[in-house]
Amino acid sequence: MSKRTIIAVAIAFVLSIGLTAIWSAQTITREGDTEANILEDGGSEAGPSETPEKKKGNRVARFFSAPFRAVGHLFGGGKDDGKLKRMTEKDAAKFESSPVTRISDSRSADKEKNVPSSSGSARDHLAAGRALLLTGRVNEAIGELSLAVSLDPRLGEANNLLGLAYDRKGMGERAKESYEKAVSIEEDAQTLNNLGFSLYQNGNYRAAIDRLKRAAKLAPGDQRILNNLALAQSRLGKYDDAYKNFARAGGELTGRLNVASMLEREGRDEDAIKHYEAALRLQPKSSLALSHVAVLYRRVGRTADAQAARVTLANLANETAGANNASTASAVR
């Protein structure tokens, strides 16, 4: 074996260990459901539908930049400025109470500036609440959306958005109540998905599966719903069902990779290996599958297979470097 190949194999070994560790660290430091974050970083949609938040950019770019962002978190580069402060039940009750007469004086000005005005129609408050969620002002959004549903309890969209806002504050029971009100007004796929994902996040997996199956019947091609359903099935150990829904959402290769990552997170290394191997039969040059399977082979004592996976990774790295050099030389000419 040439010196260059030995160096490349060593680099591939470090990458296969390091990227897997960073992948785990990244999902730990981020807010939200860890498994859903993993799917999102791999390019699969998961989580609530139509969440009114800023665009996160190209999924493929996020996937490849994720290790570098994770390093920043590991070494203290992240900031807590954007984290949501927890709202208490007492705070929420204030928003849901009847509007009071506003008193305008210098002492009350600061207290009143975040209190929504009771003037305007239900749809006016709905529009204001949606806009506030877009800018991350969740407490104020809850105030506006609570006013909207108090003025028009049959306004399904306001109930749905209120559920999203409560979920973002970690108030699962209140979110569930709002979603269920929205579903009782109109049983649409996206609200059922939001309710199902909220139940999943709060550990009510069987109820989550029930709602998500109903959502999937209404929107059988919706990738987000299918992935959420697969996540809930994974939590109950129904990995065969989870694979089928992951594959329905993103194709066989993505299905194999997603269910493998769920099994790996649960410490079921042998089962995870089978799915990574199936992914490699579909795409032998999948660097994601190779990097993970190299670590798992080593963990279960399959040292020869681990070495072979690292060699393949090294060859892929050499091919990529060669292609990049050729592209650069061509551009210079």
Protein backbone atom coordinates (compact mmCIF):
# COMPACT_ATOMS: atom_id res chain seq x y z
CA MET A 1 0.00 0.00 0.00
CA SER A 2 1.46 3.38 -1.02
CA LYS A 3 2.27 6.10 1.50
CA ARG A 4 -0.40 8.32 -0.04
CA THR A 5 -3.07 5.64 0.40
CA ILE A 6 -2.02 5.01 4.01
CA ILE A 7 -2.36 8.72 4.77
CA ALA A 8 -5.73 8.84 3.04
CA VAL A 9 -6.96 5.82 5.03
CA ALA A 10 -5.81 7.47 8.26
CA ILE A 11 -7.67 10.64 7.33
CA ALA A 12 -10.78 8.63 6.46
CA PHE A 13 -10.58 6.89 9.84
CA VAL A 14 -10.40 10.20 11.69
CA LEU A 15 -13.29 11.56 9.64
CA SER A 16 -15.48 8.51 10.19
CA ILE A 17 -14.98 8.79 13.97
CA GLY A 18 -14.99 12.58 14.15
CA LEU A 19 -17.98 13.28 11.93
CA THR A 20 -20.09 10.73 13.80
CA ALA A 21 -19.13 12.33 17.13
CA ILE A 22 -19.86 15.81 15.80
CA TRP A 23 -23.18 14.58 14.35
CA SER A 24 -24.17 13.40 17.81
CA ALA A 25 -22.95 16.55 19.54
CA GLN A 26 -24.80 18.78 17.10
CA THR A 27 -28.15 17.11 17.70
CA ILE A 28 -27.65 17.32 21.46
CA THR A 29 -26.91 21.06 21.51
CA ARG A 30 -29.84 22.03 19.28
CA GLU A 31 -33.34 22.67 20.48
CA GLY A 32 -36.20 20.46 19.31
CA ASP A 33 -36.50 16.73 18.83
CA THR A 34 -33.10 15.10 18.24
CA GLU A 35 -34.30 12.51 15.73
CA ALA A 36 -36.27 15.10 13.76
CA ASN A 37 -33.13 17.29 13.67
CA ILE A 38 -31.15 14.37 12.27
CA LEU A 39 -33.70 13.86 9.50
CA GLU A 40 -33.77 17.58 8.68
CA ASP A 41 -29.96 17.75 8.48
CA GLY A 42 -29.99 14.77 6.12
CA GLY A 43 -32.44 16.52 3.80
CA SER A 44 -35.69 14.90 5.00
CA GLU A 45 -38.59 17.08 6.11
CA ALA A 46 -39.84 16.48 9.65
CA GLY A 47 -41.64 18.35 12.40
CA PRO A 48 -44.72 20.58 12.37
CA SER A 49 -46.31 21.74 9.13
CA GLU A 50 -46.17 25.32 7.94
CA THR A 51 -44.17 26.46 10.95
CA PRO A 52 -44.01 30.24 10.57
CA GLU A 53 -40.29 30.75 10.97
CA LYS A 54 -37.42 32.05 8.90
CA LYS A 55 -36.19 29.89 6.05
CA LYS A 56 -33.27 27.69 7.02
CA GLY A 57 -31.69 27.69 3.58
CA ASN A 58 -30.71 24.85 1.31
CA ARG A 59 -30.93 21.50 3.11
CA VAL A 60 -27.94 20.03 1.28
CA ALA A 61 -25.80 23.03 2.22
CA ARG A 62 -26.95 22.74 5.85
CA PHE A 63 -26.06 19.05 5.84
CA PHE A 64 -22.49 19.59 4.68
CA SER A 65 -21.95 22.65 6.87
CA ALA A 66 -23.41 20.97 9.95
CA PRO A 67 -20.09 19.54 11.27
CA PHE A 68 -18.46 22.97 11.17
CA ARG A 69 -21.40 24.59 12.97
CA ALA A 70 -21.28 21.80 15.54
CA VAL A 71 -17.60 22.44 16.21
CA GLY A 72 -18.49 26.01 17.06
CA HIS A 73 -21.02 24.79 19.60
CA LEU A 74 -18.53 22.34 21.09
CA PHE A 75 -15.96 25.07 21.68
CA GLY A 76 -18.38 27.66 23.02
CA GLY A 77 -18.95 29.58 19.82
CA GLY A 78 -22.74 29.36 20.04
CA LYS A 79 -24.82 32.07 21.67
CA ASP A 80 -27.98 31.74 23.68
CA ASP A 81 -29.45 35.02 22.44
CA GLY A 82 -31.92 33.31 20.14
CA LYS A 83 -33.22 30.79 22.65
CA LEU A 84 -36.80 31.07 23.75
CA LYS A 85 -37.50 31.90 27.34
CA ARG A 86 -39.97 29.52 28.94
CA MET A 87 -43.47 30.82 29.43
CA THR A 88 -45.29 29.76 32.56
CA GLU A 89 -48.90 28.65 32.87
CA LYS A 90 -49.52 31.90 34.75
CA ASP A 91 -48.23 33.92 31.79
CA ALA A 92 -50.45 32.00 29.37
CA ALA A 93 -53.48 32.54 31.55
CA LYS A 94 -52.94 36.29 31.31
CA PHE A 95 -53.22 36.12 27.54
CA GLU A 96 -56.38 34.04 27.67
CA SER A 97 -58.20 36.29 30.13
CA SER A 98 -60.68 38.92 28.98
CA PRO A 99 -59.12 42.18 27.78
CA VAL A 100 -58.91 44.92 30.41
CA THR A 101 -59.14 48.66 30.05
CA ARG A 102 -55.75 50.11 29.20
CA ILE A 103 -54.45 52.98 31.32
CA SER A 104 -52.00 55.27 29.59
CA ASP A 105 -49.51 56.86 31.93
CA SER A 106 -45.74 56.89 32.32
CA ARG A 107 -45.72 54.08 34.88
CA SER A 108 -47.84 51.68 32.85
CA ALA A 109 -46.30 52.39 29.43
CA ASP A 110 -43.55 49.79 29.68
CA LYS A 111 -45.92 47.16 31.02
CA GLU A 112 -48.51 47.82 28.33
CA LYS A 113 -46.34 47.87 25.23
CA ASN A 114 -46.44 44.04 24.87
CA VAL A 115 -50.18 43.74 25.58
CA PRO A 116 -52.22 43.33 22.37
CA SER A 117 -54.98 45.80 21.69
CA SER A 118 -58.48 44.35 21.90
CA SER A 119 -59.62 46.42 18.94
CA GLY A 120 -59.84 44.86 15.49
CA SER A 121 -61.43 41.69 14.14
CA ALA A 122 -60.46 38.10 14.84
CA ARG A 123 -58.73 37.92 11.46
CA ASP A 124 -56.77 41.08 12.25
CA HIS A 125 -55.41 39.44 15.39
CA LEU A 126 -54.75 36.23 13.44
CA ALA A 127 -52.66 38.17 10.91
CA ALA A 128 -50.79 39.95 13.70
CA GLY A 129 -50.12 36.67 15.52
CA ARG A 130 -48.84 35.01 12.36
CA ALA A 131 -46.49 37.94 11.71
CA LEU A 132 -45.18 37.85 15.28
CA LEU A 133 -44.43 34.12 14.99
CA LEU A 134 -42.50 34.85 11.81
CA THR A 135 -40.20 37.14 13.77
CA GLY A 136 -39.88 34.80 16.74
CA ARG A 137 -41.88 36.96 19.15
CA VAL A 138 -43.76 33.97 20.51
CA ASN A 139 -45.17 35.45 23.72
CA GLU A 140 -46.73 38.36 21.84
CA ALA A 141 -47.99 35.98 19.15
CA ILE A 142 -49.78 33.95 21.80
CA GLY A 143 -51.48 37.13 23.01
CA GLU A 144 -52.72 38.04 19.53
CA LEU A 145 -53.79 34.50 18.63
CA SER A 146 -55.59 34.07 21.96
CA LEU A 147 -57.55 37.22 21.20
CA ALA A 148 -58.34 35.88 17.73
CA VAL A 149 -59.80 32.62 19.05
CA SER A 150 -61.70 34.42 21.84
CA LEU A 151 -63.34 36.64 19.21
CA ASP A 152 -63.97 33.75 16.81
CA PRO A 153 -63.63 30.26 18.38
CA ARG A 154 -64.31 28.69 14.95
CA LEU A 155 -61.20 30.22 13.41
CA GLY A 156 -59.27 27.01 12.79
CA GLU A 157 -56.05 28.60 11.55
CA ALA A 158 -55.76 30.70 14.70
CA ASN A 159 -56.13 27.60 16.87
CA ASN A 160 -53.53 25.77 14.80
CA LEU A 161 -51.01 28.63 15.03
CA LEU A 162 -51.70 28.98 18.73
CA GLY A 163 -50.82 25.29 19.08
CA LEU A 164 -47.56 25.90 17.22
CA ALA A 165 -46.75 28.83 19.49
CA TYR A 166 -47.43 26.82 22.64
CA ASP A 167 -45.29 23.98 21.30
CA ARG A 168 -42.42 26.36 20.74
CA LYS A 169 -42.71 27.35 24.41
CA GLY A 170 -42.68 23.72 25.55
CA MET A 171 -46.30 23.78 26.70
CA GLY A 172 -47.46 20.48 25.26
CA GLU A 173 -50.85 20.22 26.95
CA ARG A 174 -51.95 23.68 25.85
CA ALA A 175 -50.65 22.99 22.35
CA LYS A 176 -52.65 19.75 22.24
CA GLU A 177 -55.83 21.57 23.29
CA SER A 178 -55.40 24.18 20.57
CA TYR A 179 -54.67 21.62 17.86
CA GLU A 180 -57.66 19.52 18.87
CA LYS A 181 -59.90 22.58 18.65
CA ALA A 182 -58.55 23.24 15.16
CA VAL A 183 -59.12 19.60 14.13
CA SER A 184 -62.67 19.66 15.50
CA ILE A 185 -63.38 22.65 13.23
CA GLU A 186 -61.79 21.05 10.15
CA GLU A 187 -59.85 17.78 10.04
CA ASP A 188 -57.12 18.74 7.59
CA ALA A 189 -53.82 16.92 7.08
CA GLN A 190 -51.49 19.69 8.25
CA THR A 191 -53.24 20.32 11.56
CA LEU A 192 -53.40 16.57 12.21
CA ASN A 193 -49.68 16.44 11.48
CA ASN A 194 -49.02 19.22 13.98
CA LEU A 195 -51.13 17.48 16.61
CA GLY A 196 -49.43 14.14 15.90
CA PHE A 197 -45.93 15.61 16.10
CA SER A 198 -46.80 17.43 19.33
CA LEU A 199 -48.03 14.15 20.86
CA TYR A 200 -44.84 12.45 19.64
CA GLN A 201 -42.65 15.12 21.26
CA ASN A 202 -44.47 14.61 24.54
CA GLY A 203 -44.02 10.84 24.52
CA ASN A 204 -47.57 9.88 23.55
CA TYR A 205 -46.42 7.74 20.64
CA ARG A 206 -49.51 5.59 20.08
CA ALA A 207 -51.81 8.62 19.93
CA ALA A 208 -49.25 10.33 17.68
CA ILE A 209 -49.29 7.39 15.26
CA ASP A 210 -53.10 7.44 15.17
CA ARG A 211 -53.22 11.15 14.26
CA LEU A 212 -50.36 10.90 11.78
CA LYS A 213 -51.95 7.92 10.01
CA ARG A 214 -55.13 9.97 9.64
CA ALA A 215 -53.04 12.82 8.25
CA ALA A 216 -51.30 10.45 5.81
CA LYS A 217 -54.65 9.25 4.48
CA LEU A 218 -55.64 12.82 3.72
CA ALA A 219 -52.23 13.66 2.18
CA PRO A 220 -50.62 10.34 1.14
CA GLY A 221 -47.68 11.98 -0.61
CA ASP A 222 -46.72 14.45 2.12
CA GLN A 223 -43.08 13.71 3.05
CA ARG A 224 -43.19 15.57 6.36
CA ILE A 225 -46.20 13.61 7.59
CA LEU A 226 -44.71 10.27 6.53
CA ASN A 227 -41.38 11.03 8.21
CA ASN A 228 -43.11 12.08 11.43
CA LEU A 229 -45.14 8.88 11.35
CA ALA A 230 -41.93 6.88 10.90
CA LEU A 231 -40.32 8.71 13.83
CA ALA A 232 -43.21 7.79 16.12
CA GLN A 233 -43.14 4.17 14.92
CA SER A 234 -39.39 4.05 15.60
CA ARG A 235 -39.98 5.10 19.20
CA LEU A 236 -42.29 2.11 19.64
CA GLY A 237 -39.71 -0.21 18.06
CA LYS A 238 -41.75 -0.69 14.87
CA TYR A 239 -38.73 -0.28 12.61
CA ASP A 240 -40.13 -2.25 9.68
CA ASP A 241 -43.14 0.09 9.54
CA ALA A 242 -40.84 3.07 10.04
CA TYR A 243 -38.66 2.01 7.11
CA LYS A 244 -41.68 1.70 4.83
CA ASN A 245 -42.80 5.24 5.64
CA PHE A 246 -39.30 6.70 5.41
CA ALA A 247 -39.01 5.06 1.98
CA ARG A 248 -42.44 6.33 0.91
CA ALA A 249 -41.32 9.82 1.87
CA GLY A 250 -37.86 9.93 0.30
CA GLY A 251 -37.13 6.76 -1.62
CA GLU A 252 -35.43 3.49 -0.70
CA LEU A 253 -31.94 4.91 -0.15
CA THR A 254 -33.18 7.68 2.15
CA GLY A 255 -35.43 5.18 3.92
CA ARG A 256 -32.47 2.90 4.64
CA LEU A 257 -30.28 5.75 5.89
CA ASN A 258 -33.00 7.22 8.09
CA VAL A 259 -34.00 3.99 9.78
CA ALA A 260 -30.32 3.09 10.22
CA SER A 261 -29.71 6.36 12.03
CA MET A 262 -32.69 5.70 14.33
CA LEU A 263 -31.39 2.22 15.15
CA GLU A 264 -27.88 3.57 15.71
CA ARG A 265 -29.23 6.16 18.15
CA GLU A 266 -30.90 3.32 20.08
CA GLY A 267 -27.65 1.34 20.26
CA ARG A 268 -28.91 -1.43 17.98
CA ASP A 269 -25.65 -1.59 16.07
CA GLU A 270 -26.16 -4.89 14.23
CA ASP A 271 -29.58 -3.84 12.93
CA ALA A 272 -28.24 -0.42 11.95
CA ILE A 273 -25.40 -2.07 10.04
CA LYS A 274 -27.89 -4.11 7.97
CA HIS A 275 -29.66 -0.96 6.82
CA TYR A 276 -26.40 0.90 6.11
CA GLU A 277 -25.22 -2.12 4.08
CA ALA A 278 -28.53 -2.10 2.17
CA ALA A 279 -27.97 1.62 1.49
CA LEU A 280 -24.47 0.88 0.17
CA ARG A 281 -25.86 -1.77 -2.18
CA LEU A 282 -28.07 0.96 -3.60
CA GLN A 283 -25.30 3.59 -3.63
CA PRO A 284 -21.79 2.17 -3.01
CA LYS A 285 -20.30 5.67 -2.85
CA SER A 286 -22.54 6.99 -0.09
CA SER A 287 -20.04 8.73 2.18
CA LEU A 288 -22.68 9.06 4.90
CA ALA A 289 -23.33 5.33 5.01
CA LEU A 290 -19.61 4.51 4.78
CA SER A 291 -18.61 6.84 7.60
CA HIS A 292 -21.23 5.44 9.95
CA VAL A 293 -20.80 1.80 9.04
CA ALA A 294 -17.01 2.06 9.50
CA VAL A 295 -17.58 3.13 13.11
CA LEU A 296 -20.20 0.45 13.72
CA TYR A 297 -18.04 -2.31 12.19
CA ARG A 298 -15.22 -1.34 14.53
CA ARG A 299 -17.62 -1.24 17.48
CA VAL A 300 -18.91 -4.78 16.89
CA GLY A 301 -15.46 -6.21 16.23
CA ARG A 302 -15.57 -6.46 12.43
CA THR A 303 -12.14 -4.86 12.03
CA ALA A 304 -11.52 -6.06 8.46
CA ASP A 305 -14.85 -4.63 7.29
CA ALA A 306 -14.14 -1.39 9.13
CA GLN A 307 -10.77 -1.11 7.36
CA ALA A 308 -12.37 -1.82 3.97
CA ALA A 309 -14.97 0.92 4.58
CA ARG A 310 -12.22 3.38 5.51
CA VAL A 311 -10.25 2.51 2.36
CA THR A 312 -13.36 3.16 0.25
CA LEU A 313 -13.85 6.48 2.04
CA ALA A 314 -10.21 7.37 1.37
CA ASN A 315 -10.58 6.55 -2.32
CA LEU A 316 -13.70 8.72 -2.49
CA ALA A 317 -11.79 11.55 -0.85
CA ASN A 318 -8.98 11.18 -3.42
CA GLU A 319 -11.50 11.14 -6.28
CA THR A 320 -13.22 14.26 -4.97
CA ALA A 321 -9.89 16.06 -4.49
CA GLY A 322 -8.78 15.10 -8.00
CA ALA A 323 -12.05 16.29 -9.51
CA ASN A 324 -11.82 19.59 -7.62
CA ASN A 325 -8.22 20.13 -8.77
CA ALA A 326 -9.15 19.41 -12.36
CA SER A 327 -12.08 21.81 -12.15
CA THR A 328 -9.86 24.54 -10.70
CA ALA A 329 -7.20 24.04 -13.38
CA SER A 330 -9.84 24.19 -16.10
CA ALA A 331 -11.24 27.41 -14.67
CA VAL A 332 -7.78 28.99 -14.58
CA ARG A 333 -7.18 28.14 -18.25
